[in-house]
N, C-alpha and C. Protein backbone atom coordinates (compact mmCIF):
# COMPACT_ATOMS: atom_id res chain seq x y z
N UNK A 1 77.69 -9.79 103.26
CA UNK A 1 78.96 -9.93 102.58
C UNK A 1 79.85 -10.89 103.38
N UNK A 2 80.58 -11.70 102.68
CA UNK A 2 81.48 -12.67 103.28
C UNK A 2 82.57 -11.96 104.10
N UNK A 3 82.84 -12.41 105.32
CA UNK A 3 83.87 -11.75 106.15
C UNK A 3 85.26 -11.75 105.51
N UNK A 4 85.58 -12.79 104.74
CA UNK A 4 86.87 -12.83 104.07
C UNK A 4 86.99 -11.73 103.03
N UNK A 5 85.96 -11.57 102.22
CA UNK A 5 85.96 -10.53 101.19
C UNK A 5 85.95 -9.15 101.84
N UNK A 6 85.20 -9.04 102.93
CA UNK A 6 85.13 -7.76 103.63
C UNK A 6 86.52 -7.35 104.15
N UNK A 7 87.26 -8.30 104.69
CA UNK A 7 88.61 -8.01 105.20
C UNK A 7 89.55 -7.65 104.05
N UNK A 8 89.44 -8.37 102.94
CA UNK A 8 90.31 -8.08 101.79
C UNK A 8 90.02 -6.70 101.20
N UNK A 9 88.76 -6.38 101.03
CA UNK A 9 88.40 -5.07 100.46
C UNK A 9 88.75 -3.95 101.44
N UNK A 10 88.43 -4.13 102.70
CA UNK A 10 88.76 -3.12 103.70
C UNK A 10 90.25 -2.88 103.81
N UNK A 11 91.03 -3.94 103.79
CA UNK A 11 92.48 -3.80 103.83
C UNK A 11 93.04 -3.12 102.59
N UNK A 12 92.47 -3.45 101.44
CA UNK A 12 92.91 -2.81 100.20
C UNK A 12 92.61 -1.33 100.18
N UNK A 13 91.42 -0.96 100.64
CA UNK A 13 91.05 0.45 100.68
C UNK A 13 91.93 1.20 101.69
N UNK A 14 92.17 0.60 102.83
CA UNK A 14 93.02 1.22 103.83
C UNK A 14 94.44 1.42 103.30
N UNK A 15 94.95 0.42 102.59
CA UNK A 15 96.28 0.54 102.01
C UNK A 15 96.34 1.67 100.98
N UNK A 16 95.33 1.76 100.12
CA UNK A 16 95.32 2.80 99.08
C UNK A 16 95.22 4.19 99.70
N UNK A 17 94.40 4.35 100.72
CA UNK A 17 94.30 5.65 101.40
C UNK A 17 95.65 6.01 102.03
N UNK A 18 96.29 5.06 102.66
CA UNK A 18 97.61 5.31 103.23
C UNK A 18 98.64 5.65 102.17
N UNK A 19 98.57 4.99 101.03
CA UNK A 19 99.50 5.28 99.94
C UNK A 19 99.31 6.69 99.41
N UNK A 20 98.06 7.11 99.27
CA UNK A 20 97.78 8.47 98.80
C UNK A 20 98.28 9.50 99.81
N UNK A 21 98.04 9.26 101.09
CA UNK A 21 98.54 10.19 102.11
C UNK A 21 100.06 10.25 102.08
N UNK A 22 100.71 9.12 101.96
CA UNK A 22 102.17 9.07 101.97
C UNK A 22 102.78 9.78 100.76
N UNK A 23 102.15 9.61 99.61
CA UNK A 23 102.70 10.18 98.38
C UNK A 23 102.43 11.67 98.21
N UNK A 24 101.25 12.14 98.62
CA UNK A 24 100.82 13.47 98.22
C UNK A 24 100.67 14.49 99.34
N UNK A 25 101.03 14.16 100.56
CA UNK A 25 100.86 15.12 101.64
C UNK A 25 102.18 15.48 102.31
N UNK A 26 103.26 15.42 101.57
CA UNK A 26 104.58 15.71 102.14
C UNK A 26 104.75 17.15 102.57
N UNK A 27 104.09 18.07 101.88
CA UNK A 27 104.26 19.49 102.20
C UNK A 27 103.11 20.06 103.03
N UNK A 28 102.18 19.23 103.46
CA UNK A 28 101.06 19.68 104.29
C UNK A 28 101.47 19.57 105.75
N UNK A 29 101.32 20.68 106.48
CA UNK A 29 101.69 20.68 107.90
C UNK A 29 100.43 20.68 108.76
N UNK A 30 100.37 19.75 109.69
CA UNK A 30 99.28 19.69 110.66
C UNK A 30 99.88 19.80 112.05
N UNK A 31 99.14 20.32 113.02
CA UNK A 31 99.73 20.56 114.34
C UNK A 31 99.98 19.29 115.16
N UNK A 32 99.27 18.21 114.90
CA UNK A 32 99.36 17.06 115.79
C UNK A 32 100.15 15.90 115.18
N UNK A 33 99.85 15.54 113.95
CA UNK A 33 100.45 14.35 113.35
C UNK A 33 100.93 14.69 111.94
N UNK A 34 102.02 14.06 111.52
CA UNK A 34 102.52 14.21 110.17
C UNK A 34 101.73 13.26 109.26
N UNK A 35 101.14 13.78 108.20
CA UNK A 35 100.27 12.97 107.36
C UNK A 35 101.03 11.89 106.61
N UNK A 36 102.29 12.12 106.29
CA UNK A 36 103.06 11.07 105.62
C UNK A 36 103.30 9.88 106.55
N UNK A 37 103.53 10.15 107.83
CA UNK A 37 103.70 9.06 108.79
C UNK A 37 102.38 8.33 109.02
N UNK A 38 101.29 9.07 109.04
CA UNK A 38 99.97 8.44 109.15
C UNK A 38 99.72 7.54 107.94
N UNK A 39 100.16 7.97 106.77
CA UNK A 39 100.01 7.16 105.57
C UNK A 39 100.77 5.85 105.68
N UNK A 40 101.97 5.89 106.22
CA UNK A 40 102.76 4.66 106.39
C UNK A 40 102.07 3.72 107.37
N UNK A 41 101.53 4.26 108.44
CA UNK A 41 100.82 3.43 109.42
C UNK A 41 99.57 2.80 108.79
N UNK A 42 98.83 3.59 108.01
CA UNK A 42 97.64 3.04 107.35
C UNK A 42 98.00 1.97 106.33
N UNK A 43 99.09 2.15 105.63
CA UNK A 43 99.52 1.11 104.69
C UNK A 43 99.85 -0.18 105.42
N UNK A 44 100.53 -0.07 106.55
CA UNK A 44 100.87 -1.26 107.33
C UNK A 44 99.61 -1.96 107.84
N UNK A 45 98.67 -1.18 108.34
CA UNK A 45 97.41 -1.77 108.81
C UNK A 45 96.63 -2.41 107.67
N UNK A 46 96.66 -1.78 106.51
CA UNK A 46 95.98 -2.35 105.35
C UNK A 46 96.57 -3.69 104.94
N UNK A 47 97.90 -3.78 104.95
CA UNK A 47 98.55 -5.04 104.60
C UNK A 47 98.20 -6.11 105.63
N UNK A 48 98.20 -5.75 106.90
CA UNK A 48 97.83 -6.73 107.93
C UNK A 48 96.40 -7.21 107.77
N UNK A 49 95.50 -6.31 107.41
CA UNK A 49 94.10 -6.71 107.22
C UNK A 49 93.94 -7.61 105.99
N UNK A 50 94.67 -7.33 104.93
CA UNK A 50 94.63 -8.19 103.75
C UNK A 50 95.18 -9.57 104.10
N UNK A 51 96.28 -9.62 104.83
CA UNK A 51 96.83 -10.91 105.24
C UNK A 51 95.87 -11.68 106.12
N UNK A 52 95.16 -10.97 107.00
CA UNK A 52 94.15 -11.62 107.83
C UNK A 52 93.02 -12.18 106.98
N UNK A 53 92.60 -11.42 105.98
CA UNK A 53 91.55 -11.91 105.08
C UNK A 53 91.99 -13.14 104.31
N UNK A 54 93.24 -13.14 103.85
CA UNK A 54 93.76 -14.31 103.16
C UNK A 54 93.83 -15.51 104.09
N UNK A 55 94.25 -15.27 105.33
CA UNK A 55 94.30 -16.35 106.32
C UNK A 55 92.91 -16.92 106.57
N UNK A 56 91.94 -16.03 106.74
CA UNK A 56 90.57 -16.49 106.97
C UNK A 56 90.06 -17.31 105.79
N UNK A 57 90.42 -16.90 104.59
CA UNK A 57 89.98 -17.64 103.41
C UNK A 57 90.61 -19.02 103.32
N UNK A 58 91.88 -19.14 103.71
CA UNK A 58 92.57 -20.42 103.65
C UNK A 58 92.07 -21.35 104.76
N UNK A 59 91.91 -20.82 105.95
CA UNK A 59 91.48 -21.64 107.08
C UNK A 59 90.05 -22.14 106.87
N UNK A 60 89.20 -21.28 106.34
CA UNK A 60 87.80 -21.67 106.13
C UNK A 60 87.67 -22.68 105.01
N UNK A 61 88.51 -22.56 103.98
CA UNK A 61 88.40 -23.41 102.79
C UNK A 61 89.11 -24.68 103.01
């Protein structure tokens, strides 16, 4: 699989997982980390990975 596509798909999946955690785990309590905050972090990482994939696609092309 092309590294550009892999970065775009991976970033998109990471963003969606973070979005689901952020939206639907507000009332779930865990002892170590708040799942809503983890969701926000995953969304940020997903956006960064998508941007990296777009950059790789532009630089390569």
